[in-house]
Amino acid sequence: MIHMTWRDRETVKKVKCVHTDAKKYLVNNALTVGNIYDVKNETEEFYYIIDNTEKIGGFYKEYFQDV
């Protein structure tokens, strides 16, 4: 149950949010364009970050660029 310890894990890298133009989901409540976020886990399609709600969220990589 790796998701139970993500907040305490070491940061993998940092990414910057470049847009919140989601086609299907509402992400502008959880992400802010221009903010830098700590990546706690990464898959082929998603970054798992601590978002604006102070919780871990999984977001498509298309919203970010590497810092």
PDB file of N, CA and C in Angstrom:
ATOM      1  N   MET A   1       0.824  -1.175   0.000  1.00  0.00           N
ATOM      2  CA  MET A   1       0.000   0.000   0.000  1.00  0.00           C
ATOM      3  C   MET A   1       0.875   1.247   0.000  1.00  0.00           C
ATOM      4  N   ILE A   2       1.560   1.432  -1.110  1.00  0.00           N
ATOM      5  CA  ILE A   2       2.510   2.531  -1.251  1.00  0.00           C
ATOM      6  C   ILE A   2       1.837   3.900  -1.136  1.00  0.00           C
ATOM      7  N   HIS A   3       0.583   4.002  -1.525  1.00  0.00           N
ATOM      8  CA  HIS A   3      -0.112   5.288  -1.492  1.00  0.00           C
ATOM      9  C   HIS A   3      -0.296   5.826  -0.073  1.00  0.00           C
ATOM     10  N   MET A   4      -0.176   4.981   0.935  1.00  0.00           N
ATOM     11  CA  MET A   4      -0.338   5.410   2.326  1.00  0.00           C
ATOM     12  C   MET A   4       0.862   6.228   2.821  1.00  0.00           C
ATOM     13  N   THR A   5       2.013   6.088   2.179  1.00  0.00           N
ATOM     14  CA  THR A   5       3.223   6.772   2.642  1.00  0.00           C
ATOM     15  C   THR A   5       3.763   7.795   1.641  1.00  0.00           C
ATOM     16  N   TRP A   6       3.010   8.153   0.625  1.00  0.00           N
ATOM     17  CA  TRP A   6       3.512   9.092  -0.398  1.00  0.00           C
ATOM     18  C   TRP A   6       3.881  10.452   0.165  1.00  0.00           C
ATOM     19  N   ARG A   7       3.115  10.974   1.104  1.00  0.00           N
ATOM     20  CA  ARG A   7       3.409  12.297   1.664  1.00  0.00           C
ATOM     21  C   ARG A   7       4.774  12.318   2.353  1.00  0.00           C
ATOM     22  N   ASP A   8       5.180  11.209   2.919  1.00  0.00           N
ATOM     23  CA  ASP A   8       6.437  11.133   3.665  1.00  0.00           C
ATOM     24  C   ASP A   8       7.624  10.726   2.797  1.00  0.00           C
ATOM     25  N   ARG A   9       7.373  10.343   1.574  1.00  0.00           N
ATOM     26  CA  ARG A   9       8.451   9.879   0.696  1.00  0.00           C
ATOM     27  C   ARG A   9       9.294  11.034   0.200  1.00  0.00           C
ATOM     28  N   GLU A  10      10.482  10.707  -0.232  1.00  0.00           N
ATOM     29  CA  GLU A  10      11.392  11.690  -0.801  1.00  0.00           C
ATOM     30  C   GLU A  10      10.837  12.195  -2.134  1.00  0.00           C
ATOM     31  N   THR A  11      11.063  13.462  -2.413  1.00  0.00           N
ATOM     32  CA  THR A  11      10.606  14.053  -3.667  1.00  0.00           C
ATOM     33  C   THR A  11      11.436  13.511  -4.822  1.00  0.00           C
ATOM     34  N   VAL A  12      10.766  13.024  -5.874  1.00  0.00           N
ATOM     35  CA  VAL A  12      11.445  12.461  -7.036  1.00  0.00           C
ATOM     36  C   VAL A  12      12.040  13.570  -7.885  1.00  0.00           C
ATOM     37  N   LYS A  13      11.249  14.614  -8.145  1.00  0.00           N
ATOM     38  CA  LYS A  13      11.696  15.777  -8.904  1.00  0.00           C
ATOM     39  C   LYS A  13      10.677  16.875  -8.724  1.00  0.00           C
ATOM     40  N   LYS A  14      10.953  18.025  -9.321  1.00  0.00           N
ATOM     41  CA  LYS A  14      10.026  19.151  -9.267  1.00  0.00           C
ATOM     42  C   LYS A  14       9.531  19.442 -10.680  1.00  0.00           C
ATOM     43  N   VAL A  15       8.247  19.798 -10.769  1.00  0.00           N
ATOM     44  CA  VAL A  15       7.644  20.135 -12.055  1.00  0.00           C
ATOM     45  C   VAL A  15       6.876  21.446 -11.917  1.00  0.00           C
ATOM     46  N   LYS A  16       6.740  22.145 -13.040  1.00  0.00           N
ATOM     47  CA  LYS A  16       6.024  23.417 -13.073  1.00  0.00           C
ATOM     48  C   LYS A  16       4.739  23.228 -13.872  1.00  0.00           C
ATOM     49  N   CYS A  17       3.641  23.720 -13.341  1.00  0.00           N
ATOM     50  CA  CYS A  17       2.351  23.631 -14.025  1.00  0.00           C
ATOM     51  C   CYS A  17       2.333  24.653 -15.161  1.00  0.00           C
ATOM     52  N   VAL A  18       2.051  24.211 -16.380  1.00  0.00           N
ATOM     53  CA  VAL A  18       2.043  25.105 -17.538  1.00  0.00           C
ATOM     54  C   VAL A  18       0.641  25.428 -18.039  1.00  0.00           C
ATOM     55  N   HIS A  19      -0.345  24.600 -17.704  1.00  0.00           N
ATOM     56  CA  HIS A  19      -1.735  24.911 -18.054  1.00  0.00           C
ATOM     57  C   HIS A  19      -2.688  24.037 -17.255  1.00  0.00           C
ATOM     58  N   THR A  20      -3.932  24.470 -17.181  1.00  0.00           N
ATOM     59  CA  THR A  20      -4.978  23.704 -16.497  1.00  0.00           C
ATOM     60  C   THR A  20      -6.180  23.523 -17.411  1.00  0.00           C
ATOM     61  N   ASP A  21      -5.933  23.479 -18.713  1.00  0.00           N
ATOM     62  CA  ASP A  21      -6.998  23.338 -19.701  1.00  0.00           C
ATOM     63  C   ASP A  21      -7.361  21.869 -19.874  1.00  0.00           C
ATOM     64  N   ALA A  22      -8.119  21.343 -18.943  1.00  0.00           N
ATOM     65  CA  ALA A  22      -8.517  19.939 -18.986  1.00  0.00           C
ATOM     66  C   ALA A  22      -9.763  19.783 -19.846  1.00  0.00           C
ATOM     67  N   LYS A  23      -9.800  18.726 -20.631  1.00  0.00           N
ATOM     68  CA  LYS A  23     -10.948  18.450 -21.489  1.00  0.00           C
ATOM     69  C   LYS A  23     -12.072  17.790 -20.711  1.00  0.00           C
ATOM     70  N   LYS A  24     -11.711  16.981 -19.726  1.00  0.00           N
ATOM     71  CA  LYS A  24     -12.701  16.146 -19.075  1.00  0.00           C
ATOM     72  C   LYS A  24     -12.851  16.420 -17.576  1.00  0.00           C
ATOM     73  N   TYR A  25     -11.776  16.837 -16.924  1.00  0.00           N
ATOM     74  CA  TYR A  25     -11.782  16.968 -15.474  1.00  0.00           C
ATOM     75  C   TYR A  25     -11.570  18.415 -15.059  1.00  0.00           C
ATOM     76  N   LEU A  26     -11.962  18.758 -13.846  1.00  0.00           N
ATOM     77  CA  LEU A  26     -11.761  20.082 -13.288  1.00  0.00           C
ATOM     78  C   LEU A  26     -10.456  20.081 -12.495  1.00  0.00           C
ATOM     79  N   VAL A  27      -9.410  20.676 -13.045  1.00  0.00           N
ATOM     80  CA  VAL A  27      -8.110  20.667 -12.369  1.00  0.00           C
ATOM     81  C   VAL A  27      -7.678  22.041 -11.895  1.00  0.00           C
ATOM     82  N   ASN A  28      -8.349  23.097 -12.327  1.00  0.00           N
ATOM     83  CA  ASN A  28      -7.904  24.436 -11.932  1.00  0.00           C
ATOM     84  C   ASN A  28      -8.167  24.727 -10.461  1.00  0.00           C
ATOM     85  N   ASN A  29      -8.953  23.906  -9.766  1.00  0.00           N
ATOM     86  CA  ASN A  29      -9.121  24.046  -8.319  1.00  0.00           C
ATOM     87  C   ASN A  29      -7.944  23.452  -7.561  1.00  0.00           C
ATOM     88  N   ALA A  30      -7.243  22.514  -8.164  1.00  0.00           N
ATOM     89  CA  ALA A  30      -6.156  21.819  -7.483  1.00  0.00           C
ATOM     90  C   ALA A  30      -4.775  22.254  -7.961  1.00  0.00           C
ATOM     91  N   LEU A  31      -4.683  22.864  -9.139  1.00  0.00           N
ATOM     92  CA  LEU A  31      -3.404  23.301  -9.694  1.00  0.00           C
ATOM     93  C   LEU A  31      -3.455  24.783 -10.028  1.00  0.00           C
ATOM     94  N   THR A  32      -2.314  25.445  -9.951  1.00  0.00           N
ATOM     95  CA  THR A  32      -2.193  26.845 -10.333  1.00  0.00           C
ATOM     96  C   THR A  32      -1.085  26.955 -11.372  1.00  0.00           C
ATOM     97  N   VAL A  33      -1.395  27.590 -12.487  1.00  0.00           N
ATOM     98  CA  VAL A  33      -0.402  27.776 -13.546  1.00  0.00           C
ATOM     99  C   VAL A  33       0.764  28.596 -12.996  1.00  0.00           C
ATOM    100  N   GLY A  34       1.977  28.118 -13.238  1.00  0.00           N
ATOM    101  CA  GLY A  34       3.181  28.801 -12.788  1.00  0.00           C
ATOM    102  C   GLY A  34       3.739  28.269 -11.472  1.00  0.00           C
ATOM    103  N   ASN A  35       2.943  27.547 -10.708  1.00  0.00           N
ATOM    104  CA  ASN A  35       3.428  26.978  -9.445  1.00  0.00           C
ATOM    105  C   ASN A  35       4.322  25.779  -9.706  1.00  0.00           C
ATOM    106  N   ILE A  36       5.261  25.569  -8.795  1.00  0.00           N
ATOM    107  CA  ILE A  36       6.154  24.420  -8.855  1.00  0.00           C
ATOM    108  C   ILE A  36       5.703  23.421  -7.791  1.00  0.00           C
ATOM    109  N   TYR A  37       5.599  22.155  -8.200  1.00  0.00           N
ATOM    110  CA  TYR A  37       5.097  21.108  -7.330  1.00  0.00           C
ATOM    111  C   TYR A  37       6.134  20.003  -7.184  1.00  0.00           C
ATOM    112  N   ASP A  38       6.143  19.356  -6.015  1.00  0.00           N
ATOM    113  CA  ASP A  38       7.023  18.223  -5.737  1.00  0.00           C
ATOM    114  C   ASP A  38       6.360  16.943  -6.212  1.00  0.00           C
ATOM    115  N   VAL A  39       7.068  16.182  -7.037  1.00  0.00           N
ATOM    116  CA  VAL A  39       6.564  14.899  -7.526  1.00  0.00           C
ATOM    117  C   VAL A  39       6.950  13.823  -6.520  1.00  0.00           C
ATOM    118  N   LYS A  40       5.953  13.121  -6.003  1.00  0.00           N
ATOM    119  CA  LYS A  40       6.188  12.065  -5.020  1.00  0.00           C
ATOM    120  C   LYS A  40       6.230  10.691  -5.664  1.00  0.00           C
ATOM    121  N   ASN A  41       5.560  10.529  -6.807  1.00  0.00           N
ATOM    122  CA  ASN A  41       5.581   9.273  -7.542  1.00  0.00           C
ATOM    123  C   ASN A  41       5.259   9.591  -8.999  1.00  0.00           C
ATOM    124  N   GLU A  42       5.697   8.728  -9.898  1.00  0.00           N
ATOM    125  CA  GLU A  42       5.520   8.965 -11.326  1.00  0.00           C
ATOM    126  C   GLU A  42       5.226   7.648 -12.023  1.00  0.00           C
ATOM    127  N   THR A  43       4.278   7.690 -12.961  1.00  0.00           N
ATOM    128  CA  THR A  43       4.019   6.553 -13.832  1.00  0.00           C
ATOM    129  C   THR A  43       4.203   7.034 -15.265  1.00  0.00           C
ATOM    130  N   GLU A  44       3.921   6.188 -16.226  1.00  0.00           N
ATOM    131  CA  GLU A  44       4.075   6.591 -17.623  1.00  0.00           C
ATOM    132  C   GLU A  44       3.161   7.744 -17.989  1.00  0.00           C
ATOM    133  N   GLU A  45       1.996   7.805 -17.373  1.00  0.00           N
ATOM    134  CA  GLU A  45       0.975   8.771 -17.767  1.00  0.00           C
ATOM    135  C   GLU A  45       0.727   9.877 -16.741  1.00  0.00           C
ATOM    136  N   PHE A  46       1.054   9.630 -15.475  1.00  0.00           N
ATOM    137  CA  PHE A  46       0.688  10.547 -14.399  1.00  0.00           C
ATOM    138  C   PHE A  46       1.866  10.952 -13.531  1.00  0.00           C
ATOM    139  N   TYR A  47       1.746  12.171 -12.947  1.00  0.00           N
ATOM    140  CA  TYR A  47       2.568  12.598 -11.825  1.00  0.00           C
ATOM    141  C   TYR A  47       1.662  12.596 -10.606  1.00  0.00           C
ATOM    142  N   TYR A  48       2.178  12.121  -9.487  1.00  0.00           N
ATOM    143  CA  TYR A  48       1.461  12.173  -8.217  1.00  0.00           C
ATOM    144  C   TYR A  48       2.145  13.229  -7.367  1.00  0.00           C
ATOM    145  N   ILE A  49       1.432  14.328  -7.119  1.00  0.00           N
ATOM    146  CA  ILE A  49       2.005  15.491  -6.456  1.00  0.00           C
ATOM    147  C   ILE A  49       1.147  15.896  -5.264  1.00  0.00           C
ATOM    148  N   ILE A  50       1.727  16.744  -4.414  1.00  0.00           N
ATOM    149  CA  ILE A  50       0.942  17.401  -3.367  1.00  0.00           C
ATOM    150  C   ILE A  50       0.400  18.676  -4.005  1.00  0.00           C
ATOM    151  N   ASP A  51      -0.918  18.712  -4.223  1.00  0.00           N
ATOM    152  CA  ASP A  51      -1.531  19.828  -4.949  1.00  0.00           C
ATOM    153  C   ASP A  51      -1.950  20.955  -3.999  1.00  0.00           C
ATOM    154  N   ASN A  52      -2.722  21.911  -4.498  1.00  0.00           N
ATOM    155  CA  ASN A  52      -3.146  23.072  -3.712  1.00  0.00           C
ATOM    156  C   ASN A  52      -4.044  22.710  -2.531  1.00  0.00           C
ATOM    157  N   THR A  53      -4.634  21.538  -2.539  1.00  0.00           N
ATOM    158  CA  THR A  53      -5.485  21.109  -1.428  1.00  0.00           C
ATOM    159  C   THR A  53      -4.672  20.441  -0.325  1.00  0.00           C
ATOM    160  N   GLU A  54      -3.335  20.391  -0.511  1.00  0.00           N
ATOM    161  CA  GLU A  54      -2.411  19.754   0.440  1.00  0.00           C
ATOM    162  C   GLU A  54      -2.606  18.248   0.532  1.00  0.00           C
ATOM    163  N   LYS A  55      -3.190  17.651  -0.495  1.00  0.00           N
ATOM    164  CA  LYS A  55      -3.356  16.204  -0.571  1.00  0.00           C
ATOM    165  C   LYS A  55      -2.632  15.696  -1.804  1.00  0.00           C
ATOM    166  N   ILE A  56      -2.350  14.404  -1.835  1.00  0.00           N
ATOM    167  CA  ILE A  56      -1.722  13.803  -3.006  1.00  0.00           C
ATOM    168  C   ILE A  56      -2.779  13.660  -4.096  1.00  0.00           C
ATOM    169  N   GLY A  57      -2.431  14.111  -5.289  1.00  0.00           N
ATOM    170  CA  GLY A  57      -3.316  13.971  -6.433  1.00  0.00           C
ATOM    171  C   GLY A  57      -2.547  13.471  -7.634  1.00  0.00           C
ATOM    172  N   GLY A  58      -3.208  12.715  -8.482  1.00  0.00           N
ATOM    173  CA  GLY A  58      -2.595  12.217  -9.711  1.00  0.00           C
ATOM    174  C   GLY A  58      -3.083  13.047 -10.882  1.00  0.00           C
ATOM    175  N   PHE A  59      -2.148  13.588 -11.658  1.00  0.00           N
ATOM    176  CA  PHE A  59      -2.485  14.459 -12.779  1.00  0.00           C
ATOM    177  C   PHE A  59      -1.715  14.023 -14.023  1.00  0.00           C
ATOM    178  N   TYR A  60      -2.348  14.186 -15.187  1.00  0.00           N
ATOM    179  CA  TYR A  60      -1.679  13.879 -16.442  1.00  0.00           C
ATOM    180  C   TYR A  60      -0.401  14.712 -16.569  1.00  0.00           C
ATOM    181  N   LYS A  61       0.608  14.130 -17.174  1.00  0.00           N
ATOM    182  CA  LYS A  61       1.888  14.810 -17.344  1.00  0.00           C
ATOM    183  C   LYS A  61       1.797  16.004 -18.279  1.00  0.00           C
ATOM    184  N   GLU A  62       0.753  16.064 -19.100  1.00  0.00           N
ATOM    185  CA  GLU A  62       0.625  17.159 -20.064  1.00  0.00           C
ATOM    186  C   GLU A  62       0.450  18.529 -19.406  1.00  0.00           C
ATOM    187  N   TYR A  63       0.097  18.571 -18.133  1.00  0.00           N
ATOM    188  CA  TYR A  63      -0.083  19.841 -17.432  1.00  0.00           C
ATOM    189  C   TYR A  63       1.222  20.428 -16.928  1.00  0.00           C
ATOM    190  N   PHE A  64       2.321  19.704 -17.050  1.00  0.00           N
ATOM    191  CA  PHE A  64       3.576  20.101 -16.403  1.00  0.00           C
ATOM    192  C   PHE A  64       4.757  20.096 -17.354  1.00  0.00           C
ATOM    193  N   GLN A  65       5.813  20.792 -16.932  1.00  0.00           N
ATOM    194  CA  GLN A  65       7.119  20.678 -17.569  1.00  0.00           C
ATOM    195  C   GLN A  65       8.150  20.552 -16.456  1.00  0.00           C
ATOM    196  N   ASP A  66       9.262  19.894 -16.758  1.00  0.00           N
ATOM    197  CA  ASP A  66      10.312  19.692 -15.772  1.00  0.00           C
ATOM    198  C   ASP A  66      10.976  21.019 -15.418  1.00  0.00           C
ATOM    199  N   VAL A  67      11.394  21.127 -14.171  1.00  0.00           N
ATOM    200  CA  VAL A  67      12.095  22.333 -13.710  1.00  0.00           C
ATOM    201  C   VAL A  67      13.571  22.036 -13.658  1.00  0.00           C
TER     202      VAL A  67
END
